[in-house]
Amino acid sequence: MISPFLSIIIPAHNEEGRLPASLEQVNAFLAQQAYHAEVIVVENGSTDRTLAVARAFASDFPGLLVLHEEQPGKGNAVKVGMLAARGEYRFIADADLSMPVDQINRFLPPMVNADIVIASREMPGAIRYGEPYFRHITGRVFNFFIRSLVLPGLQDTQCGFKCFHSRAAEILFHQQTLVGWSFDVELLVIARHLGLSILELGIPWYYFPGSKVNIWRHSWAMFFDLLTIRRNLRQGLYDA
């Protein structure tokens, strides 16, 4: 079996409405590429028909693998998908495709060459479309705490599109401890601690209603996650 050049991992929690259109876009994009790719949808904790919808789509999409995971949490779904992936490069994509799928090649060689490339809504060239002002401000406030406590210098750690070289993915996702919304901050902290290269890439980004993040309910939990990451780092939990 040919090992894919690219694996696209899509965590899917209660995404029966948005997932079919996104998979159609991903399938059409990959059909135009010269490289071999796989797509892994990881459904976990859904109360709707996400799993059935994904499995039905897989019958006409030979490069699609659908996994079901009982434990909830976006970080858990991504970890399961990343460790199941076989691609030389492994790309996390949110199910709503708020970043157009045709941007993916910008994260891959020969366009860039880094252990980790993260999409940024703050770097030069980035454009936000339709985002409510309140959500933008709260996101910047949270990023201020991220930069102050654990990741100085990175402007947007929370955008849901990130690409990992397989070597970095195998190291980082085995060391990941957080399974909720702050998992990607932890991964980037570990990566920087281990000396892996991280590149921020400005992207076009479209706001779509239906985010699973509740600002009021999740903000405190995410803040305490930052303190946990900071403590783990000081205690040597992330040492290679």
C-alpha atoms as a PDB file:
ATOM      1  CA  MET A   1       0.000   0.000   0.000  1.00  0.00           C
ATOM      2  CA  ILE A   2       1.312   3.422  -0.980  1.00  0.00           C
ATOM      3  CA  SER A   3       1.961   5.675   1.994  1.00  0.00           C
ATOM      4  CA  PRO A   4       0.146   8.971   1.462  1.00  0.00           C
ATOM      5  CA  PHE A   5       2.020  12.221   1.189  1.00  0.00           C
ATOM      6  CA  LEU A   6      -0.795  14.035   3.021  1.00  0.00           C
ATOM      7  CA  SER A   7      -3.300  13.032   5.682  1.00  0.00           C
ATOM      8  CA  ILE A   8      -6.173  15.401   6.429  1.00  0.00           C
ATOM      9  CA  ILE A   9      -7.700  14.865   9.863  1.00  0.00           C
ATOM     10  CA  ILE A  10     -11.179  16.288  10.483  1.00  0.00           C
ATOM     11  CA  PRO A  11     -12.560  16.116  14.042  1.00  0.00           C
ATOM     12  CA  ALA A  12     -16.345  15.955  13.856  1.00  0.00           C
ATOM     13  CA  HIS A  13     -18.684  16.485  16.787  1.00  0.00           C
ATOM     14  CA  ASN A  14     -22.344  17.054  15.863  1.00  0.00           C
ATOM     15  CA  GLU A  15     -21.414  18.001  12.301  1.00  0.00           C
ATOM     16  CA  GLU A  16     -24.090  16.190  10.282  1.00  0.00           C
ATOM     17  CA  GLY A  17     -25.149  19.485   8.700  1.00  0.00           C
ATOM     18  CA  ARG A  18     -21.761  20.845   7.646  1.00  0.00           C
ATOM     19  CA  LEU A  19     -19.710  17.712   7.076  1.00  0.00           C
ATOM     20  CA  PRO A  20     -21.110  16.537   3.699  1.00  0.00           C
ATOM     21  CA  ALA A  21     -20.386  19.813   1.887  1.00  0.00           C
ATOM     22  CA  SER A  22     -16.919  19.997   3.432  1.00  0.00           C
ATOM     23  CA  LEU A  23     -16.069  16.444   2.400  1.00  0.00           C
ATOM     24  CA  GLU A  24     -17.246  17.202  -1.136  1.00  0.00           C
ATOM     25  CA  GLN A  25     -14.856  20.162  -1.239  1.00  0.00           C
ATOM     26  CA  VAL A  26     -11.961  18.116   0.154  1.00  0.00           C
ATOM     27  CA  ASN A  27     -12.619  15.292  -2.303  1.00  0.00           C
ATOM     28  CA  ALA A  28     -12.714  17.687  -5.270  1.00  0.00           C
ATOM     29  CA  PHE A  29      -9.511  19.396  -4.112  1.00  0.00           C
ATOM     30  CA  LEU A  30      -7.580  16.152  -3.660  1.00  0.00           C
ATOM     31  CA  ALA A  31      -8.724  14.868  -7.059  1.00  0.00           C
ATOM     32  CA  GLN A  32      -6.750  17.723  -8.621  1.00  0.00           C
ATOM     33  CA  GLN A  33      -3.489  17.008  -6.751  1.00  0.00           C
ATOM     34  CA  ALA A  34      -0.590  14.932  -8.024  1.00  0.00           C
ATOM     35  CA  TYR A  35       0.189  13.501  -4.601  1.00  0.00           C
ATOM     36  CA  HIS A  36      -1.513  10.619  -2.804  1.00  0.00           C
ATOM     37  CA  ALA A  37      -3.671  11.610   0.173  1.00  0.00           C
ATOM     38  CA  GLU A  38      -6.009  10.199   2.779  1.00  0.00           C
ATOM     39  CA  VAL A  39      -8.780  11.837   4.795  1.00  0.00           C
ATOM     40  CA  ILE A  40      -9.604  10.741   8.338  1.00  0.00           C
ATOM     41  CA  VAL A  41     -12.844  11.856   9.966  1.00  0.00           C
ATOM     42  CA  VAL A  42     -12.905  11.238  13.705  1.00  0.00           C
ATOM     43  CA  GLU A  43     -16.403  11.400  15.163  1.00  0.00           C
ATOM     44  CA  ASN A  44     -16.628  11.525  18.928  1.00  0.00           C
ATOM     45  CA  GLY A  45     -19.400  12.255  21.368  1.00  0.00           C
ATOM     46  CA  SER A  46     -21.977  13.248  18.754  1.00  0.00           C
ATOM     47  CA  THR A  47     -25.695  13.171  19.514  1.00  0.00           C
ATOM     48  CA  ASP A  48     -26.738  13.590  15.882  1.00  0.00           C
ATOM     49  CA  ARG A  49     -26.109  11.523  12.717  1.00  0.00           C
ATOM     50  CA  THR A  50     -22.512  12.665  12.135  1.00  0.00           C
ATOM     51  CA  LEU A  51     -21.133   9.124  12.230  1.00  0.00           C
ATOM     52  CA  ALA A  52     -23.753   7.736   9.842  1.00  0.00           C
ATOM     53  CA  VAL A  53     -23.322  10.662   7.448  1.00  0.00           C
ATOM     54  CA  ALA A  54     -19.543  10.225   7.367  1.00  0.00           C
ATOM     55  CA  ARG A  55     -19.795   6.475   6.824  1.00  0.00           C
ATOM     56  CA  ALA A  56     -22.280   6.938   3.998  1.00  0.00           C
ATOM     57  CA  PHE A  57     -19.922   9.378   2.305  1.00  0.00           C
ATOM     58  CA  ALA A  58     -17.032   6.914   2.643  1.00  0.00           C
ATOM     59  CA  SER A  59     -18.733   4.482   0.262  1.00  0.00           C
ATOM     60  CA  ASP A  60     -18.050   6.916  -2.612  1.00  0.00           C
ATOM     61  CA  PHE A  61     -14.767   8.318  -1.272  1.00  0.00           C
ATOM     62  CA  PRO A  62     -12.131   5.546  -1.286  1.00  0.00           C
ATOM     63  CA  GLY A  63      -9.535   7.719   0.422  1.00  0.00           C
ATOM     64  CA  LEU A  64     -11.767   8.406   3.415  1.00  0.00           C
ATOM     65  CA  LEU A  65     -11.394   6.615   6.751  1.00  0.00           C
ATOM     66  CA  VAL A  66     -14.086   7.182   9.391  1.00  0.00           C
ATOM     67  CA  LEU A  67     -13.230   6.548  13.030  1.00  0.00           C
ATOM     68  CA  HIS A  68     -15.578   6.551  16.006  1.00  0.00           C
ATOM     69  CA  GLU A  69     -14.206   7.492  19.413  1.00  0.00           C
ATOM     70  CA  GLU A  70     -16.308   7.349  22.569  1.00  0.00           C
ATOM     71  CA  GLN A  71     -14.307   9.837  24.638  1.00  0.00           C
ATOM     72  CA  PRO A  72     -15.416  13.419  23.901  1.00  0.00           C
ATOM     73  CA  GLY A  73     -13.138  16.400  23.350  1.00  0.00           C
ATOM     74  CA  LYS A  74     -11.744  17.947  20.180  1.00  0.00           C
ATOM     75  CA  GLY A  75      -8.199  17.312  21.377  1.00  0.00           C
ATOM     76  CA  ASN A  76      -8.971  13.644  21.834  1.00  0.00           C
ATOM     77  CA  ALA A  77     -10.462  13.346  18.343  1.00  0.00           C
ATOM     78  CA  VAL A  78      -7.450  15.027  16.762  1.00  0.00           C
ATOM     79  CA  LYS A  79      -5.021  12.850  18.700  1.00  0.00           C
ATOM     80  CA  VAL A  80      -6.787   9.660  17.580  1.00  0.00           C
ATOM     81  CA  GLY A  81      -6.757  10.813  13.963  1.00  0.00           C
ATOM     82  CA  MET A  82      -3.162  11.970  13.981  1.00  0.00           C
ATOM     83  CA  LEU A  83      -1.861   8.719  15.429  1.00  0.00           C
ATOM     84  CA  ALA A  84      -3.925   6.695  12.952  1.00  0.00           C
ATOM     85  CA  ALA A  85      -2.652   8.747  10.002  1.00  0.00           C
ATOM     86  CA  ARG A  86       0.037   7.448   7.637  1.00  0.00           C
ATOM     87  CA  GLY A  87       0.863  10.636   5.758  1.00  0.00           C
ATOM     88  CA  GLU A  88       4.276  12.263   5.648  1.00  0.00           C
ATOM     89  CA  TYR A  89       2.392  15.481   6.414  1.00  0.00           C
ATOM     90  CA  ARG A  90      -0.668  15.503   8.663  1.00  0.00           C
ATOM     91  CA  PHE A  91      -3.106  18.382   8.468  1.00  0.00           C
ATOM     92  CA  ILE A  92      -5.839  19.268  10.972  1.00  0.00           C
ATOM     93  CA  ALA A  93      -8.913  20.847   9.386  1.00  0.00           C
ATOM     94  CA  ASP A  94     -12.045  22.093  11.117  1.00  0.00           C
ATOM     95  CA  ALA A  95     -15.208  20.535   9.746  1.00  0.00           C
ATOM     96  CA  ASP A  96     -16.647  23.871   8.639  1.00  0.00           C
ATOM     97  CA  LEU A  97     -13.651  24.584   6.359  1.00  0.00           C
ATOM     98  CA  SER A  98     -13.545  28.204   7.507  1.00  0.00           C
ATOM     99  CA  MET A  99     -10.211  28.295   5.700  1.00  0.00           C
ATOM    100  CA  PRO A 100     -10.743  27.489   1.994  1.00  0.00           C
ATOM    101  CA  VAL A 101      -9.459  24.016   1.201  1.00  0.00           C
ATOM    102  CA  ASP A 102      -7.330  25.286  -1.687  1.00  0.00           C
ATOM    103  CA  GLN A 103      -5.023  26.904   0.884  1.00  0.00           C
ATOM    104  CA  ILE A 104      -3.735  23.528   2.087  1.00  0.00           C
ATOM    105  CA  ASN A 105      -0.876  23.344  -0.414  1.00  0.00           C
ATOM    106  CA  ARG A 106       0.577  26.527   1.084  1.00  0.00           C
ATOM    107  CA  PHE A 107       1.341  24.487   4.233  1.00  0.00           C
ATOM    108  CA  LEU A 108       3.370  21.877   2.323  1.00  0.00           C
ATOM    109  CA  PRO A 109       6.748  21.724   0.601  1.00  0.00           C
ATOM    110  CA  PRO A 110       7.934  23.270  -1.617  1.00  0.00           C
ATOM    111  CA  MET A 111       5.876  26.288  -0.489  1.00  0.00           C
ATOM    112  CA  VAL A 112       7.174  26.066   3.094  1.00  0.00           C
ATOM    113  CA  ASN A 113       9.455  23.792   5.058  1.00  0.00           C
ATOM    114  CA  ALA A 114       8.921  23.535   8.817  1.00  0.00           C
ATOM    115  CA  ASP A 115       8.118  20.862  11.372  1.00  0.00           C
ATOM    116  CA  ILE A 116       4.796  22.574  12.080  1.00  0.00           C
ATOM    117  CA  VAL A 117       2.901  25.181  10.054  1.00  0.00           C
ATOM    118  CA  ILE A 118      -0.063  26.848  11.730  1.00  0.00           C
ATOM    119  CA  ALA A 119      -2.751  28.978  10.121  1.00  0.00           C
ATOM    120  CA  SER A 120      -2.892  32.499  11.480  1.00  0.00           C
ATOM    121  CA  ARG A 121      -5.614  35.127  11.300  1.00  0.00           C
ATOM    122  CA  GLU A 122      -3.146  37.753  12.571  1.00  0.00           C
ATOM    123  CA  MET A 123      -0.053  37.450  10.394  1.00  0.00           C
ATOM    124  CA  PRO A 124       0.545  39.634   7.315  1.00  0.00           C
ATOM    125  CA  GLY A 125      -1.701  38.563   4.460  1.00  0.00           C
ATOM    126  CA  ALA A 126      -4.432  37.209   6.725  1.00  0.00           C
ATOM    127  CA  ILE A 127      -8.007  38.349   6.136  1.00  0.00           C
ATOM    128  CA  ARG A 128     -11.009  37.725   8.381  1.00  0.00           C
ATOM    129  CA  TYR A 129     -14.432  37.644   6.757  1.00  0.00           C
ATOM    130  CA  GLY A 130     -17.637  38.174   8.710  1.00  0.00           C
ATOM    131  CA  GLU A 131     -16.298  37.622  12.216  1.00  0.00           C
ATOM    132  CA  PRO A 132     -18.328  39.379  14.929  1.00  0.00           C
ATOM    133  CA  TYR A 133     -16.291  42.043  16.680  1.00  0.00           C
ATOM    134  CA  PHE A 134     -16.970  40.547  20.119  1.00  0.00           C
ATOM    135  CA  ARG A 135     -15.575  37.149  19.118  1.00  0.00           C
ATOM    136  CA  HIS A 136     -12.480  38.773  17.648  1.00  0.00           C
ATOM    137  CA  ILE A 137     -11.806  40.742  20.820  1.00  0.00           C
ATOM    138  CA  THR A 138     -12.319  37.761  23.150  1.00  0.00           C
ATOM    139  CA  GLY A 139     -10.009  35.698  20.959  1.00  0.00           C
ATOM    140  CA  ARG A 140      -7.300  38.334  21.179  1.00  0.00           C
ATOM    141  CA  VAL A 141      -7.687  38.534  24.956  1.00  0.00           C
ATOM    142  CA  PHE A 142      -7.228  34.787  25.261  1.00  0.00           C
ATOM    143  CA  ASN A 143      -4.220  34.911  22.959  1.00  0.00           C
ATOM    144  CA  PHE A 144      -2.720  37.596  25.198  1.00  0.00           C
ATOM    145  CA  PHE A 145      -2.840  35.143  28.097  1.00  0.00           C
ATOM    146  CA  ILE A 146      -1.375  32.389  25.909  1.00  0.00           C
ATOM    147  CA  ARG A 147       1.552  34.603  24.913  1.00  0.00           C
ATOM    148  CA  SER A 148       2.032  35.851  28.470  1.00  0.00           C
ATOM    149  CA  LEU A 149       1.947  32.448  30.163  1.00  0.00           C
ATOM    150  CA  VAL A 150       3.263  29.815  27.759  1.00  0.00           C
ATOM    151  CA  LEU A 151       3.883  30.851  24.130  1.00  0.00           C
ATOM    152  CA  PRO A 152       5.442  34.280  23.653  1.00  0.00           C
ATOM    153  CA  GLY A 153       5.632  35.380  20.057  1.00  0.00           C
ATOM    154  CA  LEU A 154       2.883  33.302  18.450  1.00  0.00           C
ATOM    155  CA  GLN A 155      -0.014  35.501  17.371  1.00  0.00           C
ATOM    156  CA  ASP A 156      -2.755  32.942  16.685  1.00  0.00           C
ATOM    157  CA  THR A 157      -2.532  29.501  18.233  1.00  0.00           C
ATOM    158  CA  GLN A 158      -6.267  28.780  18.137  1.00  0.00           C
ATOM    159  CA  CYS A 159      -7.047  28.708  14.439  1.00  0.00           C
ATOM    160  CA  GLY A 160      -8.139  25.158  13.662  1.00  0.00           C
ATOM    161  CA  PHE A 161      -5.853  24.487  10.684  1.00  0.00           C
ATOM    162  CA  LYS A 162      -2.375  23.133  11.398  1.00  0.00           C
ATOM    163  CA  CYS A 163       0.078  20.918   9.546  1.00  0.00           C
ATOM    164  CA  PHE A 164       2.619  18.583  11.184  1.00  0.00           C
ATOM    165  CA  HIS A 165       5.436  16.634   9.624  1.00  0.00           C
ATOM    166  CA  SER A 166       4.977  12.983  10.555  1.00  0.00           C
ATOM    167  CA  ARG A 167       8.114  12.971  12.710  1.00  0.00           C
ATOM    168  CA  ALA A 168       6.803  15.885  14.764  1.00  0.00           C
ATOM    169  CA  ALA A 169       3.313  14.391  14.945  1.00  0.00           C
ATOM    170  CA  GLU A 170       4.540  11.069  16.327  1.00  0.00           C
ATOM    171  CA  ILE A 171       6.459  12.850  19.076  1.00  0.00           C
ATOM    172  CA  LEU A 172       3.902  15.478  20.010  1.00  0.00           C
ATOM    173  CA  PHE A 173       0.668  13.527  19.965  1.00  0.00           C
ATOM    174  CA  HIS A 174       2.137  10.766  22.101  1.00  0.00           C
ATOM    175  CA  GLN A 175       3.020  13.410  24.683  1.00  0.00           C
ATOM    176  CA  GLN A 176      -0.293  15.286  24.500  1.00  0.00           C
ATOM    177  CA  THR A 177      -2.233  15.231  27.786  1.00  0.00           C
ATOM    178  CA  LEU A 178      -5.094  17.702  27.193  1.00  0.00           C
ATOM    179  CA  VAL A 179      -8.138  16.495  25.287  1.00  0.00           C
ATOM    180  CA  GLY A 180     -10.253  19.666  25.245  1.00  0.00           C
ATOM    181  CA  TRP A 181     -10.058  22.990  23.401  1.00  0.00           C
ATOM    182  CA  SER A 182      -6.552  23.908  24.619  1.00  0.00           C
ATOM    183  CA  PHE A 183      -4.865  20.822  23.183  1.00  0.00           C
ATOM    184  CA  ASP A 184      -3.196  22.717  20.346  1.00  0.00           C
ATOM    185  CA  VAL A 185      -1.624  25.213  22.740  1.00  0.00           C
ATOM    186  CA  GLU A 186      -0.120  22.295  24.636  1.00  0.00           C
ATOM    187  CA  LEU A 187       1.208  20.761  21.414  1.00  0.00           C
ATOM    188  CA  LEU A 188       2.896  23.992  20.409  1.00  0.00           C
ATOM    189  CA  VAL A 189       4.414  24.421  23.872  1.00  0.00           C
ATOM    190  CA  ILE A 190       5.861  20.908  23.676  1.00  0.00           C
ATOM    191  CA  ALA A 191       7.116  21.562  20.136  1.00  0.00           C
ATOM    192  CA  ARG A 192       8.901  24.739  21.139  1.00  0.00           C
ATOM    193  CA  HIS A 193      10.327  23.040  24.244  1.00  0.00           C
ATOM    194  CA  LEU A 194      11.781  20.292  22.055  1.00  0.00           C
ATOM    195  CA  GLY A 195      13.210  22.717  19.513  1.00  0.00           C
ATOM    196  CA  LEU A 196      10.864  21.921  16.645  1.00  0.00           C
ATOM    197  CA  SER A 197      10.342  24.655  14.069  1.00  0.00           C
ATOM    198  CA  ILE A 198       6.960  26.438  13.998  1.00  0.00           C
ATOM    199  CA  LEU A 199       5.818  28.722  11.186  1.00  0.00           C
ATOM    200  CA  GLU A 200       2.743  30.979  11.289  1.00  0.00           C
ATOM    201  CA  LEU A 201       1.061  31.443   7.920  1.00  0.00           C
ATOM    202  CA  GLY A 202      -1.472  34.204   7.257  1.00  0.00           C
ATOM    203  CA  ILE A 203      -4.666  32.876   5.685  1.00  0.00           C
ATOM    204  CA  PRO A 204      -8.100  33.995   4.514  1.00  0.00           C
ATOM    205  CA  TRP A 205     -10.607  32.918   7.167  1.00  0.00           C
ATOM    206  CA  TYR A 206     -14.407  32.979   7.069  1.00  0.00           C
ATOM    207  CA  TYR A 207     -16.602  33.122  10.140  1.00  0.00           C
ATOM    208  CA  PHE A 208     -19.465  30.606  10.073  1.00  0.00           C
ATOM    209  CA  PRO A 209     -22.058  30.435  12.850  1.00  0.00           C
ATOM    210  CA  GLY A 210     -22.227  27.197  14.803  1.00  0.00           C
ATOM    211  CA  SER A 211     -18.929  27.192  16.675  1.00  0.00           C
ATOM    212  CA  LYS A 212     -18.823  24.586  19.426  1.00  0.00           C
ATOM    213  CA  VAL A 213     -16.809  26.936  21.664  1.00  0.00           C
ATOM    214  CA  ASN A 214     -18.969  28.716  24.212  1.00  0.00           C
ATOM    215  CA  ILE A 215     -17.001  31.779  25.234  1.00  0.00           C
ATOM    216  CA  TRP A 216     -18.513  32.058  28.698  1.00  0.00           C
ATOM    217  CA  ARG A 217     -18.551  28.352  29.536  1.00  0.00           C
ATOM    218  CA  HIS A 218     -15.142  27.411  28.159  1.00  0.00           C
ATOM    219  CA  SER A 219     -13.012  30.490  28.879  1.00  0.00           C
ATOM    220  CA  TRP A 220     -12.232  29.628  32.494  1.00  0.00           C
ATOM    221  CA  ALA A 221     -11.511  25.997  31.663  1.00  0.00           C
ATOM    222  CA  MET A 222      -9.112  27.086  28.923  1.00  0.00           C
ATOM    223  CA  PHE A 223      -7.407  29.553  31.258  1.00  0.00           C
ATOM    224  CA  PHE A 224      -6.821  26.811  33.838  1.00  0.00           C
ATOM    225  CA  ASP A 225      -5.496  24.619  31.019  1.00  0.00           C
ATOM    226  CA  LEU A 226      -2.821  27.265  30.438  1.00  0.00           C
ATOM    227  CA  LEU A 227      -1.822  27.036  34.077  1.00  0.00           C
ATOM    228  CA  THR A 228      -1.689  23.245  33.771  1.00  0.00           C
ATOM    229  CA  ILE A 229       0.543  23.494  30.703  1.00  0.00           C
ATOM    230  CA  ARG A 230       2.820  25.962  32.479  1.00  0.00           C
ATOM    231  CA  ARG A 231       3.090  23.622  35.495  1.00  0.00           C
ATOM    232  CA  ASN A 232       3.727  20.579  33.293  1.00  0.00           C
ATOM    233  CA  LEU A 233       6.494  22.436  31.503  1.00  0.00           C
ATOM    234  CA  ARG A 234       8.188  23.468  34.744  1.00  0.00           C
ATOM    235  CA  GLN A 235       7.941  19.952  36.145  1.00  0.00           C
ATOM    236  CA  GLY A 236       9.629  18.439  33.092  1.00  0.00           C
ATOM    237  CA  LEU A 237       6.599  16.500  31.890  1.00  0.00           C
ATOM    238  CA  TYR A 238       7.341  17.502  28.304  1.00  0.00           C
ATOM    239  CA  ASP A 239      11.005  16.534  28.284  1.00  0.00           C
ATOM    240  CA  ALA A 240      11.885  14.181  25.451  1.00  0.00           C
END
